[in-house]
Amino acid sequence: MNHHIPLDVNAPLRLDYAKGFPLRVIRREEGFWFVAAEIAAAMKQEVEALLPMLEQPAGRLLLLAGEDEPVLCLSEGELDEVVRRVKKPGARRLRRWW
């Protein structure tokens, strides 16, 4: 049975990108969003190193289901821009997956 999840509920979908690197994806009306800290960890980077590569304001704070604090999330376009600009092996692996 298919259940409809309202878009105003930020219930993340967990993808197993690589062993030890799960990525949470949030579906919203304006598209899909990815948790910035998990993207940075998958690229073996710090979030602070990724943000200067993006146009300001970078990302959006979303309060995810099950979290107490808002989490910085990147849109699909921001994720695409980050994986193209970072020239590290972790980013290359994420780029091939993306």
PDB file of N, CA and C in Angstrom:
ATOM      1  N   MET A   1       0.837  -1.162   0.000  1.00  0.00           N
ATOM      2  CA  MET A   1       0.000   0.000   0.000  1.00  0.00           C
ATOM      3  C   MET A   1       0.890   1.236   0.000  1.00  0.00           C
ATOM      4  N   ASN A   2       0.590   2.178  -0.856  1.00  0.00           N
ATOM      5  CA  ASN A   2       1.335   3.423  -0.917  1.00  0.00           C
ATOM      6  C   ASN A   2       0.712   4.441   0.024  1.00  0.00           C
ATOM      7  N   HIS A   3       1.539   5.065   0.814  1.00  0.00           N
ATOM      8  CA  HIS A   3       1.085   6.113   1.713  1.00  0.00           C
ATOM      9  C   HIS A   3       1.673   7.428   1.237  1.00  0.00           C
ATOM     10  N   HIS A   4       0.842   8.435   1.208  1.00  0.00           N
ATOM     11  CA  HIS A   4       1.293   9.759   0.809  1.00  0.00           C
ATOM     12  C   HIS A   4       1.943  10.456   2.001  1.00  0.00           C
ATOM     13  N   ILE A   5       3.163  10.960   1.815  1.00  0.00           N
ATOM     14  CA  ILE A   5       3.840  11.740   2.851  1.00  0.00           C
ATOM     15  C   ILE A   5       3.677  13.201   2.487  1.00  0.00           C
ATOM     16  N   PRO A   6       3.053  13.997   3.347  1.00  0.00           N
ATOM     17  CA  PRO A   6       2.889  15.414   3.036  1.00  0.00           C
ATOM     18  C   PRO A   6       4.244  16.094   2.873  1.00  0.00           C
ATOM     19  N   LEU A   7       4.339  17.031   1.943  1.00  0.00           N
ATOM     20  CA  LEU A   7       5.604  17.707   1.672  1.00  0.00           C
ATOM     21  C   LEU A   7       6.006  18.668   2.774  1.00  0.00           C
ATOM     22  N   ASP A   8       5.067  19.050   3.648  1.00  0.00           N
ATOM     23  CA  ASP A   8       5.438  19.947   4.732  1.00  0.00           C
ATOM     24  C   ASP A   8       6.122  19.207   5.875  1.00  0.00           C
ATOM     25  N   VAL A   9       6.092  17.886   5.864  1.00  0.00           N
ATOM     26  CA  VAL A   9       6.808  17.081   6.848  1.00  0.00           C
ATOM     27  C   VAL A   9       8.166  16.741   6.249  1.00  0.00           C
ATOM     28  N   ASN A  10       9.228  17.160   6.921  1.00  0.00           N
ATOM     29  CA  ASN A  10      10.573  16.924   6.412  1.00  0.00           C
ATOM     30  C   ASN A  10      11.076  15.554   6.851  1.00  0.00           C
ATOM     31  N   ALA A  11      10.430  14.517   6.361  1.00  0.00           N
ATOM     32  CA  ALA A  11      10.821  13.148   6.681  1.00  0.00           C
ATOM     33  C   ALA A  11      11.884  12.704   5.683  1.00  0.00           C
ATOM     34  N   PRO A  12      13.127  12.547   6.134  1.00  0.00           N
ATOM     35  CA  PRO A  12      14.191  12.201   5.198  1.00  0.00           C
ATOM     36  C   PRO A  12      14.153  10.736   4.766  1.00  0.00           C
ATOM     37  N   LEU A  13      14.574  10.514   3.542  1.00  0.00           N
ATOM     38  CA  LEU A  13      14.773   9.173   2.998  1.00  0.00           C
ATOM     39  C   LEU A  13      16.264   8.886   3.113  1.00  0.00           C
ATOM     40  N   ARG A  14      16.633   7.759   3.684  1.00  0.00           N
ATOM     41  CA  ARG A  14      18.044   7.439   3.883  1.00  0.00           C
ATOM     42  C   ARG A  14      18.530   6.550   2.741  1.00  0.00           C
ATOM     43  N   LEU A  15      19.560   7.040   2.025  1.00  0.00           N
ATOM     44  CA  LEU A  15      20.183   6.280   0.950  1.00  0.00           C
ATOM     45  C   LEU A  15      21.545   5.792   1.423  1.00  0.00           C
ATOM     46  N   ASP A  16      21.873   4.555   1.165  1.00  0.00           N
ATOM     47  CA  ASP A  16      23.203   4.053   1.497  1.00  0.00           C
ATOM     48  C   ASP A  16      24.109   4.307   0.310  1.00  0.00           C
ATOM     49  N   TYR A  17      24.713   5.492   0.307  1.00  0.00           N
ATOM     50  CA  TYR A  17      25.577   5.897  -0.794  1.00  0.00           C
ATOM     51  C   TYR A  17      26.800   4.998  -0.871  1.00  0.00           C
ATOM     52  N   ALA A  18      27.462   4.816   0.246  1.00  0.00           N
ATOM     53  CA  ALA A  18      28.635   3.941   0.317  1.00  0.00           C
ATOM     54  C   ALA A  18      28.682   3.390   1.739  1.00  0.00           C
ATOM     55  N   LYS A  19      29.462   2.369   1.943  1.00  0.00           N
ATOM     56  CA  LYS A  19      29.541   1.772   3.270  1.00  0.00           C
ATOM     57  C   LYS A  19      30.007   2.830   4.278  1.00  0.00           C
ATOM     58  N   GLY A  20      29.170   3.063   5.251  1.00  0.00           N
ATOM     59  CA  GLY A  20      29.505   4.047   6.276  1.00  0.00           C
ATOM     60  C   GLY A  20      29.150   5.474   5.906  1.00  0.00           C
ATOM     61  N   PHE A  21      28.547   5.697   4.729  1.00  0.00           N
ATOM     62  CA  PHE A  21      28.170   7.043   4.305  1.00  0.00           C
ATOM     63  C   PHE A  21      26.701   7.086   3.885  1.00  0.00           C
ATOM     64  N   PRO A  22      25.783   7.004   4.835  1.00  0.00           N
ATOM     65  CA  PRO A  22      24.378   7.150   4.446  1.00  0.00           C
ATOM     66  C   PRO A  22      24.070   8.614   4.148  1.00  0.00           C
ATOM     67  N   LEU A  23      23.217   8.859   3.182  1.00  0.00           N
ATOM     68  CA  LEU A  23      22.804  10.214   2.835  1.00  0.00           C
ATOM     69  C   LEU A  23      21.300  10.327   3.044  1.00  0.00           C
ATOM     70  N   ARG A  24      20.885  11.385   3.710  1.00  0.00           N
ATOM     71  CA  ARG A  24      19.460  11.631   3.876  1.00  0.00           C
ATOM     72  C   ARG A  24      19.005  12.608   2.792  1.00  0.00           C
ATOM     73  N   VAL A  25      17.904  12.263   2.138  1.00  0.00           N
ATOM     74  CA  VAL A  25      17.331  13.077   1.068  1.00  0.00           C
ATOM     75  C   VAL A  25      15.947  13.520   1.529  1.00  0.00           C
ATOM     76  N   ILE A  26      15.682  14.818   1.389  1.00  0.00           N
ATOM     77  CA  ILE A  26      14.411  15.380   1.806  1.00  0.00           C
ATOM     78  C   ILE A  26      13.662  15.840   0.566  1.00  0.00           C
ATOM     79  N   ARG A  27      12.444  15.368   0.394  1.00  0.00           N
ATOM     80  CA  ARG A  27      11.616  15.750  -0.753  1.00  0.00           C
ATOM     81  C   ARG A  27      10.712  16.891  -0.343  1.00  0.00           C
ATOM     82  N   ARG A  28      10.797  17.996  -1.085  1.00  0.00           N
ATOM     83  CA  ARG A  28       9.952  19.159  -0.832  1.00  0.00           C
ATOM     84  C   ARG A  28       9.358  19.625  -2.147  1.00  0.00           C
ATOM     85  N   GLU A  29       8.427  20.560  -2.090  1.00  0.00           N
ATOM     86  CA  GLU A  29       7.780  21.049  -3.313  1.00  0.00           C
ATOM     87  C   GLU A  29       8.790  21.600  -4.315  1.00  0.00           C
ATOM     88  N   GLU A  30       9.826  22.271  -3.808  1.00  0.00           N
ATOM     89  CA  GLU A  30      10.811  22.887  -4.697  1.00  0.00           C
ATOM     90  C   GLU A  30      11.912  21.930  -5.141  1.00  0.00           C
ATOM     91  N   GLY A  31      11.841  20.675  -4.754  1.00  0.00           N
ATOM     92  CA  GLY A  31      12.823  19.694  -5.210  1.00  0.00           C
ATOM     93  C   GLY A  31      13.378  18.877  -4.056  1.00  0.00           C
ATOM     94  N   PHE A  32      14.488  18.220  -4.320  1.00  0.00           N
ATOM     95  CA  PHE A  32      15.128  17.374  -3.320  1.00  0.00           C
ATOM     96  C   PHE A  32      16.250  18.140  -2.636  1.00  0.00           C
ATOM     97  N   TRP A  33      16.427  17.875  -1.341  1.00  0.00           N
ATOM     98  CA  TRP A  33      17.453  18.516  -0.529  1.00  0.00           C
ATOM     99  C   TRP A  33      18.284  17.436   0.143  1.00  0.00           C
ATOM    100  N   PHE A  34      19.568  17.711   0.337  1.00  0.00           N
ATOM    101  CA  PHE A  34      20.516  16.763   0.908  1.00  0.00           C
ATOM    102  C   PHE A  34      21.174  17.399   2.132  1.00  0.00           C
ATOM    103  N   VAL A  35      21.396  16.614   3.180  1.00  0.00           N
ATOM    104  CA  VAL A  35      22.005  17.133   4.405  1.00  0.00           C
ATOM    105  C   VAL A  35      23.467  17.465   4.108  1.00  0.00           C
ATOM    106  N   ALA A  36      23.830  18.734   4.314  1.00  0.00           N
ATOM    107  CA  ALA A  36      25.163  19.235   3.949  1.00  0.00           C
ATOM    108  C   ALA A  36      26.281  18.500   4.689  1.00  0.00           C
ATOM    109  N   ALA A  37      26.093  18.201   5.964  1.00  0.00           N
ATOM    110  CA  ALA A  37      27.137  17.525   6.738  1.00  0.00           C
ATOM    111  C   ALA A  37      27.419  16.126   6.183  1.00  0.00           C
ATOM    112  N   GLU A  38      26.401  15.439   5.697  1.00  0.00           N
ATOM    113  CA  GLU A  38      26.593  14.095   5.140  1.00  0.00           C
ATOM    114  C   GLU A  38      27.256  14.163   3.765  1.00  0.00           C
ATOM    115  N   ILE A  39      26.926  15.186   2.982  1.00  0.00           N
ATOM    116  CA  ILE A  39      27.592  15.384   1.691  1.00  0.00           C
ATOM    117  C   ILE A  39      29.077  15.672   1.918  1.00  0.00           C
ATOM    118  N   ALA A  40      29.359  16.560   2.872  1.00  0.00           N
ATOM    119  CA  ALA A  40      30.752  16.904   3.180  1.00  0.00           C
ATOM    120  C   ALA A  40      31.515  15.674   3.673  1.00  0.00           C
ATOM    121  N   ALA A  41      30.910  14.877   4.539  1.00  0.00           N
ATOM    122  CA  ALA A  41      31.572  13.669   5.046  1.00  0.00           C
ATOM    123  C   ALA A  41      31.843  12.677   3.921  1.00  0.00           C
ATOM    124  N   ALA A  42      30.908  12.540   2.984  1.00  0.00           N
ATOM    125  CA  ALA A  42      31.104  11.626   1.855  1.00  0.00           C
ATOM    126  C   ALA A  42      32.266  12.077   0.978  1.00  0.00           C
ATOM    127  N   MET A  43      32.516  13.410   0.924  1.00  0.00           N
ATOM    128  CA  MET A  43      33.623  13.952   0.137  1.00  0.00           C
ATOM    129  C   MET A  43      34.908  14.091   0.952  1.00  0.00           C
ATOM    130  N   LYS A  44      34.830  13.707   2.245  1.00  0.00           N
ATOM    131  CA  LYS A  44      35.963  13.858   3.164  1.00  0.00           C
ATOM    132  C   LYS A  44      36.386  15.321   3.257  1.00  0.00           C
ATOM    133  N   GLN A  45      35.380  16.181   3.398  1.00  0.00           N
ATOM    134  CA  GLN A  45      35.560  17.629   3.525  1.00  0.00           C
ATOM    135  C   GLN A  45      34.813  18.112   4.761  1.00  0.00           C
ATOM    136  N   GLU A  46      35.022  19.377   5.091  1.00  0.00           N
ATOM    137  CA  GLU A  46      34.238  20.036   6.132  1.00  0.00           C
ATOM    138  C   GLU A  46      33.162  20.875   5.447  1.00  0.00           C
ATOM    139  N   VAL A  47      32.022  21.036   6.092  1.00  0.00           N
ATOM    140  CA  VAL A  47      30.934  21.834   5.516  1.00  0.00           C
ATOM    141  C   VAL A  47      31.424  23.252   5.239  1.00  0.00           C
ATOM    142  N   GLU A  48      32.225  23.810   6.146  1.00  0.00           N
ATOM    143  CA  GLU A  48      32.731  25.171   5.987  1.00  0.00           C
ATOM    144  C   GLU A  48      33.589  25.315   4.731  1.00  0.00           C
ATOM    145  N   ALA A  49      34.209  24.241   4.280  1.00  0.00           N
ATOM    146  CA  ALA A  49      35.028  24.280   3.055  1.00  0.00           C
ATOM    147  C   ALA A  49      34.148  24.252   1.804  1.00  0.00           C
ATOM    148  N   LEU A  50      32.954  23.696   1.905  1.00  0.00           N
ATOM    149  CA  LEU A  50      32.066  23.598   0.746  1.00  0.00           C
ATOM    150  C   LEU A  50      31.265  24.878   0.503  1.00  0.00           C
ATOM    151  N   LEU A  51      30.893  25.557   1.572  1.00  0.00           N
ATOM    152  CA  LEU A  51      29.993  26.708   1.450  1.00  0.00           C
ATOM    153  C   LEU A  51      30.542  27.848   0.600  1.00  0.00           C
ATOM    154  N   PRO A  52      31.844  28.182   0.645  1.00  0.00           N
ATOM    155  CA  PRO A  52      32.336  29.268  -0.213  1.00  0.00           C
ATOM    156  C   PRO A  52      32.217  28.977  -1.711  1.00  0.00           C
ATOM    157  N   MET A  53      32.050  27.732  -2.094  1.00  0.00           N
ATOM    158  CA  MET A  53      31.921  27.365  -3.505  1.00  0.00           C
ATOM    159  C   MET A  53      30.528  27.668  -4.052  1.00  0.00           C
ATOM    160  N   LEU A  54      29.590  27.958  -3.167  1.00  0.00           N
ATOM    161  CA  LEU A  54      28.200  28.165  -3.564  1.00  0.00           C
ATOM    162  C   LEU A  54      27.834  29.639  -3.494  1.00  0.00           C
ATOM    163  N   GLU A  55      26.843  30.021  -4.303  1.00  0.00           N
ATOM    164  CA  GLU A  55      26.312  31.379  -4.217  1.00  0.00           C
ATOM    165  C   GLU A  55      25.633  31.557  -2.867  1.00  0.00           C
ATOM    166  N   GLN A  56      25.739  32.749  -2.343  1.00  0.00           N
ATOM    167  CA  GLN A  56      25.097  33.038  -1.061  1.00  0.00           C
ATOM    168  C   GLN A  56      23.660  33.459  -1.287  1.00  0.00           C
ATOM    169  N   PRO A  57      22.719  33.118  -0.475  1.00  0.00           N
ATOM    170  CA  PRO A  57      22.857  32.259   0.699  1.00  0.00           C
ATOM    171  C   PRO A  57      22.928  30.794   0.279  1.00  0.00           C
ATOM    172  N   ALA A  58      23.859  30.086   0.853  1.00  0.00           N
ATOM    173  CA  ALA A  58      24.073  28.683   0.494  1.00  0.00           C
ATOM    174  C   ALA A  58      23.238  27.787   1.395  1.00  0.00           C
ATOM    175  N   GLY A  59      22.473  26.919   0.786  1.00  0.00           N
ATOM    176  CA  GLY A  59      21.686  25.953   1.538  1.00  0.00           C
ATOM    177  C   GLY A  59      20.496  26.563   2.235  1.00  0.00           C
ATOM    178  N   ARG A  60      19.837  25.723   2.996  1.00  0.00           N
ATOM    179  CA  ARG A  60      18.652  26.139   3.749  1.00  0.00           C
ATOM    180  C   ARG A  60      18.601  25.302   5.019  1.00  0.00           C
ATOM    181  N   LEU A  61      18.235  25.942   6.130  1.00  0.00           N
ATOM    182  CA  LEU A  61      18.055  25.220   7.380  1.00  0.00           C
ATOM    183  C   LEU A  61      16.673  24.588   7.387  1.00  0.00           C
ATOM    184  N   LEU A  62      16.633  23.276   7.554  1.00  0.00           N
ATOM    185  CA  LEU A  62      15.366  22.536   7.613  1.00  0.00           C
ATOM    186  C   LEU A  62      15.309  21.762   8.923  1.00  0.00           C
ATOM    187  N   LEU A  63      14.170  21.787   9.564  1.00  0.00           N
ATOM    188  CA  LEU A  63      13.969  20.986  10.766  1.00  0.00           C
ATOM    189  C   LEU A  63      13.446  19.625  10.321  1.00  0.00           C
ATOM    190  N   LEU A  64      14.300  18.627  10.401  1.00  0.00           N
ATOM    191  CA  LEU A  64      13.947  17.286   9.940  1.00  0.00           C
ATOM    192  C   LEU A  64      13.182  16.528  11.014  1.00  0.00           C
ATOM    193  N   ALA A  65      12.359  15.615  10.583  1.00  0.00           N
ATOM    194  CA  ALA A  65      11.626  14.765  11.517  1.00  0.00           C
ATOM    195  C   ALA A  65      12.625  13.978  12.358  1.00  0.00           C
ATOM    196  N   GLY A  66      12.450  14.016  13.657  1.00  0.00           N
ATOM    197  CA  GLY A  66      13.340  13.290  14.559  1.00  0.00           C
ATOM    198  C   GLY A  66      14.547  14.087  15.008  1.00  0.00           C
ATOM    199  N   GLU A  67      14.719  15.317  14.543  1.00  0.00           N
ATOM    200  CA  GLU A  67      15.846  16.167  14.939  1.00  0.00           C
ATOM    201  C   GLU A  67      15.342  17.276  15.857  1.00  0.00           C
ATOM    202  N   ASP A  68      16.194  17.699  16.783  1.00  0.00           N
ATOM    203  CA  ASP A  68      15.833  18.791  17.688  1.00  0.00           C
ATOM    204  C   ASP A  68      16.218  20.148  17.123  1.00  0.00           C
ATOM    205  N   GLU A  69      17.287  20.187  16.341  1.00  0.00           N
ATOM    206  CA  GLU A  69      17.817  21.425  15.783  1.00  0.00           C
ATOM    207  C   GLU A  69      17.667  21.413  14.264  1.00  0.00           C
ATOM    208  N   PRO A  70      17.512  22.589  13.647  1.00  0.00           N
ATOM    209  CA  PRO A  70      17.499  22.639  12.179  1.00  0.00           C
ATOM    210  C   PRO A  70      18.848  22.181  11.605  1.00  0.00           C
ATOM    211  N   VAL A  71      18.799  21.563  10.440  1.00  0.00           N
ATOM    212  CA  VAL A  71      19.981  21.008   9.782  1.00  0.00           C
ATOM    213  C   VAL A  71      20.184  21.749   8.460  1.00  0.00           C
ATOM    214  N   LEU A  72      21.430  22.107   8.148  1.00  0.00           N
ATOM    215  CA  LEU A  72      21.730  22.761   6.882  1.00  0.00           C
ATOM    216  C   LEU A  72      21.615  21.743   5.755  1.00  0.00           C
ATOM    217  N   CYS A  73      20.801  22.070   4.751  1.00  0.00           N
ATOM    218  CA  CYS A  73      20.586  21.173   3.613  1.00  0.00           C
ATOM    219  C   CYS A  73      20.926  21.899   2.318  1.00  0.00           C
ATOM    220  N   LEU A  74      21.398  21.153   1.335  1.00  0.00           N
ATOM    221  CA  LEU A  74      21.736  21.680   0.020  1.00  0.00           C
ATOM    222  C   LEU A  74      20.709  21.194  -1.001  1.00  0.00           C
ATOM    223  N   SER A  75      20.357  22.072  -1.924  1.00  0.00           N
ATOM    224  CA  SER A  75      19.426  21.699  -2.988  1.00  0.00           C
ATOM    225  C   SER A  75      20.143  20.824  -4.014  1.00  0.00           C
ATOM    226  N   GLU A  76      19.379  20.273  -4.944  1.00  0.00           N
ATOM    227  CA  GLU A  76      19.975  19.456  -6.016  1.00  0.00           C
ATOM    228  C   GLU A  76      20.994  20.268  -6.808  1.00  0.00           C
ATOM    229  N   GLY A  77      20.656  21.496  -7.133  1.00  0.00           N
ATOM    230  CA  GLY A  77      21.559  22.354  -7.896  1.00  0.00           C
ATOM    231  C   GLY A  77      22.834  22.658  -7.139  1.00  0.00           C
ATOM    232  N   GLU A  78      22.715  22.898  -5.837  1.00  0.00           N
ATOM    233  CA  GLU A  78      23.896  23.161  -5.016  1.00  0.00           C
ATOM    234  C   GLU A  78      24.760  21.918  -4.890  1.00  0.00           C
ATOM    235  N   LEU A  79      24.133  20.751  -4.750  1.00  0.00           N
ATOM    236  CA  LEU A  79      24.889  19.501  -4.705  1.00  0.00           C
ATOM    237  C   LEU A  79      25.647  19.304  -6.012  1.00  0.00           C
ATOM    238  N   ASP A  80      24.982  19.534  -7.130  1.00  0.00           N
ATOM    239  CA  ASP A  80      25.622  19.392  -8.436  1.00  0.00           C
ATOM    240  C   ASP A  80      26.817  20.328  -8.559  1.00  0.00           C
ATOM    241  N   GLU A  81      26.665  21.567  -8.112  1.00  0.00           N
ATOM    242  CA  GLU A  81      27.748  22.550  -8.182  1.00  0.00           C
ATOM    243  C   GLU A  81      28.927  22.134  -7.308  1.00  0.00           C
ATOM    244  N   VAL A  82      28.643  21.648  -6.121  1.00  0.00           N
ATOM    245  CA  VAL A  82      29.708  21.224  -5.205  1.00  0.00           C
ATOM    246  C   VAL A  82      30.473  20.036  -5.771  1.00  0.00           C
ATOM    247  N   VAL A  83      29.777  19.022  -6.286  1.00  0.00           N
ATOM    248  CA  VAL A  83      30.489  17.837  -6.777  1.00  0.00           C
ATOM    249  C   VAL A  83      31.308  18.161  -8.029  1.00  0.00           C
ATOM    250  N   ARG A  84      30.920  19.182  -8.780  1.00  0.00           N
ATOM    251  CA  ARG A  84      31.717  19.576  -9.946  1.00  0.00           C
ATOM    252  C   ARG A  84      32.943  20.388  -9.550  1.00  0.00           C
ATOM    253  N   ARG A  85      32.851  21.168  -8.481  1.00  0.00           N
ATOM    254  CA  ARG A  85      33.947  22.070  -8.111  1.00  0.00           C
ATOM    255  C   ARG A  85      35.009  21.436  -7.229  1.00  0.00           C
ATOM    256  N   VAL A  86      34.658  20.476  -6.412  1.00  0.00           N
ATOM    257  CA  VAL A  86      35.625  19.847  -5.514  1.00  0.00           C
ATOM    258  C   VAL A  86      36.413  18.808  -6.305  1.00  0.00           C
ATOM    259  N   LYS A  87      37.721  18.923  -6.261  1.00  0.00           N
ATOM    260  CA  LYS A  87      38.594  18.015  -7.024  1.00  0.00           C
ATOM    261  C   LYS A  87      39.334  17.059  -6.086  1.00  0.00           C
ATOM    262  N   LYS A  88      38.603  16.338  -5.282  1.00  0.00           N
ATOM    263  CA  LYS A  88      39.177  15.372  -4.352  1.00  0.00           C
ATOM    264  C   LYS A  88      38.618  13.992  -4.692  1.00  0.00           C
ATOM    265  N   PRO A  89      39.322  12.920  -4.312  1.00  0.00           N
ATOM    266  CA  PRO A  89      38.830  11.569  -4.620  1.00  0.00           C
ATOM    267  C   PRO A  89      37.430  11.295  -4.078  1.00  0.00           C
ATOM    268  N   GLY A  90      37.119  11.781  -2.872  1.00  0.00           N
ATOM    269  CA  GLY A  90      35.784  11.569  -2.306  1.00  0.00           C
ATOM    270  C   GLY A  90      34.709  12.237  -3.141  1.00  0.00           C
ATOM    271  N   ALA A  91      35.019  13.417  -3.679  1.00  0.00           N
ATOM    272  CA  ALA A  91      34.062  14.131  -4.531  1.00  0.00           C
ATOM    273  C   ALA A  91      33.898  13.413  -5.861  1.00  0.00           C
ATOM    274  N   ARG A  92      34.984  12.859  -6.369  1.00  0.00           N
ATOM    275  CA  ARG A  92      34.917  12.120  -7.631  1.00  0.00           C
ATOM    276  C   ARG A  92      34.003  10.907  -7.499  1.00  0.00           C
ATOM    277  N   ARG A  93      34.123  10.202  -6.370  1.00  0.00           N
ATOM    278  CA  ARG A  93      33.277   9.027  -6.129  1.00  0.00           C
ATOM    279  C   ARG A  93      31.811   9.446  -6.025  1.00  0.00           C
ATOM    280  N   LEU A  94      31.544  10.553  -5.335  1.00  0.00           N
ATOM    281  CA  LEU A  94      30.172  11.052  -5.222  1.00  0.00           C
ATOM    282  C   LEU A  94      29.654  11.531  -6.562  1.00  0.00           C
ATOM    283  N   ARG A  95      30.495  12.134  -7.373  1.00  0.00           N
ATOM    284  CA  ARG A  95      30.090  12.618  -8.700  1.00  0.00           C
ATOM    285  C   ARG A  95      29.678  11.450  -9.588  1.00  0.00           C
ATOM    286  N   ARG A  96      30.428  10.343  -9.546  1.00  0.00           N
ATOM    287  CA  ARG A  96      30.067   9.165 -10.337  1.00  0.00           C
ATOM    288  C   ARG A  96      28.730   8.584  -9.878  1.00  0.00           C
ATOM    289  N   TRP A  97      28.485   8.599  -8.567  1.00  0.00           N
ATOM    290  CA  TRP A  97      27.225   8.089  -8.041  1.00  0.00           C
ATOM    291  C   TRP A  97      26.085   9.010  -8.410  1.00  0.00           C
ATOM    292  N   TRP A  98      26.292  10.305  -8.342  1.00  0.00           N
ATOM    293  CA  TRP A  98      25.262  11.309  -8.607  1.00  0.00           C
ATOM    294  C   TRP A  98      24.937  11.340 -10.067  1.00  0.00           C
TER     295      TRP A  98
END
